[in-house]
Structures are given as structure tokens and as C-alpha cells.
N, C-alpha and C. Protein backbone atom coordinates (compact mmCIF):
# COMPACT_ATOMS: atom_id res chain seq x y z
N MET A 1 195.73 -43.64 19.65
CA MET A 1 196.52 -43.73 18.43
C MET A 1 197.99 -43.51 18.76
N SER A 2 198.88 -44.25 18.16
CA SER A 2 200.30 -44.19 18.43
C SER A 2 200.94 -43.03 17.69
N ASP A 3 202.02 -42.49 18.28
CA ASP A 3 202.79 -41.44 17.61
C ASP A 3 203.84 -42.01 16.68
N SER A 4 204.01 -43.35 16.69
CA SER A 4 205.03 -43.93 15.85
C SER A 4 204.55 -43.98 14.40
N PRO A 5 205.49 -43.84 13.46
CA PRO A 5 205.12 -43.86 12.04
C PRO A 5 204.66 -45.24 11.61
N ALA A 6 203.90 -45.28 10.55
CA ALA A 6 203.43 -46.55 10.00
C ALA A 6 204.62 -47.43 9.70
N GLY A 7 204.53 -48.69 10.07
CA GLY A 7 205.60 -49.62 9.78
C GLY A 7 206.68 -49.69 10.84
N SER A 8 206.63 -48.84 11.85
CA SER A 8 207.63 -48.87 12.89
C SER A 8 207.38 -50.09 13.78
N CYS A 9 208.44 -50.71 14.25
CA CYS A 9 208.32 -51.91 15.07
C CYS A 9 208.22 -51.60 16.54
N CYS A 10 208.42 -50.37 16.90
CA CYS A 10 208.41 -50.04 18.32
C CYS A 10 207.73 -48.70 18.54
N SER A 11 207.66 -48.30 19.77
CA SER A 11 206.94 -47.07 20.10
C SER A 11 207.76 -45.81 19.89
N VAL A 12 208.97 -45.95 19.35
CA VAL A 12 209.77 -44.77 19.02
C VAL A 12 209.84 -44.65 17.51
N PRO A 13 210.02 -43.43 17.00
CA PRO A 13 210.13 -43.28 15.54
C PRO A 13 211.25 -44.17 15.00
N SER A 14 211.13 -44.60 13.74
CA SER A 14 212.08 -45.53 13.17
C SER A 14 213.50 -44.99 13.12
N HIS A 15 213.67 -43.66 13.20
CA HIS A 15 215.02 -43.10 13.20
C HIS A 15 215.60 -43.05 14.60
N GLY A 16 214.84 -43.51 15.60
CA GLY A 16 215.35 -43.63 16.95
C GLY A 16 215.76 -42.33 17.61
N GLY A 17 215.24 -41.21 17.14
CA GLY A 17 215.56 -39.94 17.75
C GLY A 17 216.92 -39.41 17.36
N VAL A 18 217.53 -39.96 16.35
CA VAL A 18 218.84 -39.53 15.90
C VAL A 18 218.71 -38.20 15.17
N ALA A 19 219.66 -37.30 15.38
CA ALA A 19 219.65 -36.00 14.71
C ALA A 19 219.62 -36.17 13.20
N ALA A 20 219.14 -35.18 12.51
CA ALA A 20 218.94 -35.24 11.06
C ALA A 20 220.19 -35.71 10.31
N GLU A 21 221.39 -35.29 10.74
CA GLU A 21 222.59 -35.68 10.00
C GLU A 21 222.89 -37.17 10.10
N GLY A 22 222.31 -37.87 11.07
CA GLY A 22 222.54 -39.30 11.21
C GLY A 22 221.37 -40.16 10.81
N ARG A 23 220.30 -39.55 10.33
CA ARG A 23 219.09 -40.31 10.03
C ARG A 23 219.23 -41.10 8.74
N ALA A 24 218.98 -42.39 8.84
CA ALA A 24 219.08 -43.28 7.68
C ALA A 24 218.05 -42.90 6.63
N ASP A 25 216.87 -42.42 7.04
CA ASP A 25 215.83 -42.14 6.07
C ASP A 25 216.12 -40.89 5.25
N LEU A 26 217.18 -40.15 5.60
CA LEU A 26 217.55 -38.98 4.82
C LEU A 26 218.72 -39.28 3.88
N LEU A 27 219.24 -40.50 3.94
CA LEU A 27 220.37 -40.89 3.10
C LEU A 27 219.92 -41.87 2.04
N ALA A 28 220.62 -41.88 0.93
CA ALA A 28 220.32 -42.84 -0.13
C ALA A 28 220.58 -44.25 0.40
N PRO A 29 219.64 -45.19 0.21
CA PRO A 29 219.83 -46.54 0.72
C PRO A 29 221.08 -47.23 0.21
N SER A 30 221.61 -46.81 -0.93
CA SER A 30 222.80 -47.44 -1.48
C SER A 30 224.08 -46.77 -0.99
N ALA A 31 223.97 -45.77 -0.11
CA ALA A 31 225.14 -45.06 0.38
C ALA A 31 226.06 -46.01 1.13
N GLU A 32 227.35 -45.79 1.00
CA GLU A 32 228.33 -46.60 1.72
C GLU A 32 228.09 -46.46 3.23
N GLY A 33 228.30 -47.52 3.97
CA GLY A 33 228.08 -47.48 5.40
C GLY A 33 226.64 -47.71 5.80
N MET A 34 225.85 -48.24 4.88
CA MET A 34 224.44 -48.50 5.13
C MET A 34 224.17 -50.00 5.10
N THR A 35 223.12 -50.40 5.76
CA THR A 35 222.61 -51.76 5.70
C THR A 35 221.10 -51.67 5.88
N THR A 36 220.43 -52.78 5.99
CA THR A 36 219.00 -52.76 6.27
C THR A 36 218.73 -53.54 7.55
N CYS A 37 217.69 -53.15 8.23
CA CYS A 37 217.29 -53.79 9.48
C CYS A 37 216.72 -55.18 9.18
N PRO A 38 217.20 -56.22 9.86
CA PRO A 38 216.66 -57.55 9.60
C PRO A 38 215.24 -57.75 10.14
N VAL A 39 214.85 -56.95 11.13
CA VAL A 39 213.53 -57.10 11.73
C VAL A 39 212.49 -56.34 10.90
N MET A 40 212.78 -55.10 10.58
CA MET A 40 211.91 -54.28 9.74
C MET A 40 212.51 -54.30 8.34
N ALA A 41 212.36 -55.40 7.66
CA ALA A 41 212.98 -55.65 6.37
C ALA A 41 212.86 -54.46 5.43
N GLY A 42 214.00 -54.09 4.87
CA GLY A 42 214.04 -52.99 3.91
C GLY A 42 214.26 -51.63 4.53
N THR A 43 214.18 -51.52 5.85
CA THR A 43 214.39 -50.23 6.50
C THR A 43 215.89 -49.94 6.54
N PRO A 44 216.33 -48.82 5.95
CA PRO A 44 217.75 -48.51 5.92
C PRO A 44 218.29 -48.17 7.30
N VAL A 45 219.54 -48.57 7.53
CA VAL A 45 220.21 -48.31 8.80
C VAL A 45 221.61 -47.78 8.50
N VAL A 46 221.99 -46.68 9.15
CA VAL A 46 223.35 -46.16 9.07
C VAL A 46 224.16 -46.97 10.08
N ILE A 47 225.11 -47.73 9.60
CA ILE A 47 225.86 -48.64 10.46
C ILE A 47 226.53 -47.91 11.62
N ALA A 48 227.21 -46.81 11.35
CA ALA A 48 227.92 -46.07 12.40
C ALA A 48 226.96 -45.56 13.47
N THR A 49 225.79 -45.11 13.06
CA THR A 49 224.79 -44.61 14.01
C THR A 49 224.26 -45.74 14.86
N ALA A 50 223.98 -46.88 14.24
CA ALA A 50 223.49 -48.04 14.99
C ALA A 50 224.55 -48.54 15.97
N GLU A 51 225.80 -48.56 15.54
CA GLU A 51 226.89 -49.00 16.43
C GLU A 51 226.98 -48.06 17.64
N ALA A 52 226.95 -46.76 17.40
CA ALA A 52 227.07 -45.78 18.48
C ALA A 52 225.91 -45.88 19.48
N ALA A 53 224.75 -46.26 18.99
CA ALA A 53 223.55 -46.35 19.84
C ALA A 53 223.37 -47.75 20.44
N GLY A 54 224.24 -48.69 20.08
CA GLY A 54 224.11 -50.06 20.58
C GLY A 54 222.98 -50.82 19.94
N LEU A 55 222.57 -50.40 18.75
CA LEU A 55 221.47 -51.05 18.05
C LEU A 55 222.00 -52.14 17.12
N TYR A 56 222.57 -53.19 17.71
CA TYR A 56 223.10 -54.30 16.93
C TYR A 56 223.18 -55.54 17.81
N ARG A 57 223.29 -56.68 17.15
CA ARG A 57 223.52 -57.95 17.83
C ARG A 57 224.48 -58.75 16.96
N ASP A 58 225.32 -59.56 17.61
CA ASP A 58 226.17 -60.51 16.92
C ASP A 58 225.51 -61.88 17.03
N TYR A 59 225.40 -62.56 15.92
CA TYR A 59 224.75 -63.87 15.89
C TYR A 59 225.45 -64.75 14.87
N GLU A 60 225.94 -65.89 15.32
CA GLU A 60 226.61 -66.88 14.47
C GLU A 60 227.66 -66.25 13.56
N GLY A 61 228.49 -65.39 14.15
CA GLY A 61 229.62 -64.80 13.43
C GLY A 61 229.31 -63.60 12.57
N SER A 62 228.08 -63.13 12.58
CA SER A 62 227.71 -61.95 11.80
C SER A 62 227.11 -60.89 12.71
N ARG A 63 227.25 -59.63 12.34
CA ARG A 63 226.66 -58.53 13.10
C ARG A 63 225.44 -58.02 12.34
N TYR A 64 224.36 -57.83 13.08
CA TYR A 64 223.10 -57.34 12.52
C TYR A 64 222.77 -56.00 13.19
N HIS A 65 222.44 -55.00 12.37
CA HIS A 65 222.14 -53.65 12.85
C HIS A 65 220.65 -53.37 12.73
N PHE A 66 220.13 -52.60 13.70
CA PHE A 66 218.70 -52.35 13.77
C PHE A 66 218.36 -50.88 13.59
N CYS A 67 217.12 -50.66 13.14
CA CYS A 67 216.64 -49.30 12.88
C CYS A 67 216.16 -48.60 14.14
N CYS A 68 215.78 -49.36 15.18
CA CYS A 68 215.27 -48.74 16.40
C CYS A 68 215.46 -49.68 17.58
N ALA A 69 215.24 -49.17 18.76
CA ALA A 69 215.46 -49.94 19.99
C ALA A 69 214.53 -51.15 20.11
N GLY A 70 213.37 -51.12 19.50
CA GLY A 70 212.44 -52.24 19.58
C GLY A 70 212.86 -53.46 18.79
N CYS A 71 213.75 -53.29 17.84
CA CYS A 71 214.15 -54.42 17.00
C CYS A 71 215.09 -55.39 17.69
N GLY A 72 215.93 -54.91 18.59
CA GLY A 72 216.86 -55.79 19.30
C GLY A 72 216.15 -56.89 20.07
N PRO A 73 215.18 -56.55 20.92
CA PRO A 73 214.45 -57.59 21.65
C PRO A 73 213.68 -58.55 20.73
N ALA A 74 213.13 -58.04 19.65
CA ALA A 74 212.43 -58.91 18.70
C ALA A 74 213.42 -59.91 18.09
N PHE A 75 214.59 -59.42 17.72
CA PHE A 75 215.65 -60.27 17.17
C PHE A 75 216.08 -61.31 18.20
N ASP A 76 216.28 -60.88 19.44
CA ASP A 76 216.72 -61.78 20.51
C ASP A 76 215.73 -62.92 20.72
N ALA A 77 214.45 -62.65 20.56
CA ALA A 77 213.42 -63.66 20.79
C ALA A 77 213.48 -64.80 19.77
N ASP A 78 213.93 -64.50 18.54
CA ASP A 78 213.97 -65.54 17.50
C ASP A 78 214.96 -65.12 16.41
N PRO A 79 216.27 -65.11 16.71
CA PRO A 79 217.24 -64.65 15.72
C PRO A 79 217.22 -65.45 14.41
N ALA A 80 216.94 -66.74 14.49
CA ALA A 80 216.91 -67.56 13.27
C ALA A 80 215.84 -67.07 12.30
N LYS A 81 214.75 -66.56 12.83
CA LYS A 81 213.66 -66.03 11.98
C LYS A 81 214.15 -64.88 11.12
N TYR A 82 215.03 -64.05 11.69
CA TYR A 82 215.48 -62.85 10.99
C TYR A 82 216.78 -63.05 10.21
N THR A 83 217.43 -64.19 10.38
CA THR A 83 218.69 -64.44 9.69
C THR A 83 218.59 -65.54 8.66
N ALA A 84 217.44 -66.18 8.55
CA ALA A 84 217.25 -67.26 7.58
C ALA A 84 217.44 -66.71 6.17
N ALA A 85 218.11 -67.50 5.34
CA ALA A 85 218.33 -67.11 3.93
C ALA A 85 216.98 -67.00 3.24
N ALA A 86 216.85 -65.96 2.46
CA ALA A 86 215.60 -65.73 1.74
C ALA A 86 215.47 -66.63 0.54
């Protein structure tokens, strides 16, 4: 059985080991400086924390931030899948 929480895309917790003060799951999703992970749709991401940890990719002129280290490689494999308009 995995130690990762339900819904996590990788083998690390969705907060990526970030200290409590930087954890997206402890902040209101509508808080300024927040976005959502394109791979784990709806998962809140603190932009500054993702930037500091290198959890982002630039694609076709836009920057996408991720909730954990496993999302970057998934995004790289098929960025169009995660950036297609809903």
C-alpha cells in the first residue's frame, strides 16, 4: 500500500513536503497567489512555493504550476492534454 494520499499523482504527498506555512492545502483556494495544478485538476498550488521548488513549466507562452514533483514529467509527456481549453 502506498503512503501517498488518495488522488496524489506521485509517490510523494501532494504538498511535496513543504512546511505547513507553505502548504496549499492549508490555504483558501481563492487566496491571492494561488492557482490549480493542470495535471491534478482542482488541486490548489501556492505559486511562490511552486516557483521556489521548480514545480512549473512554460508552454506556449504560459507558465503552469504543479502540486508535486510527479506532475512535471506527466505534463512534459503530453502538455497539450493538460492545456487544452475545457
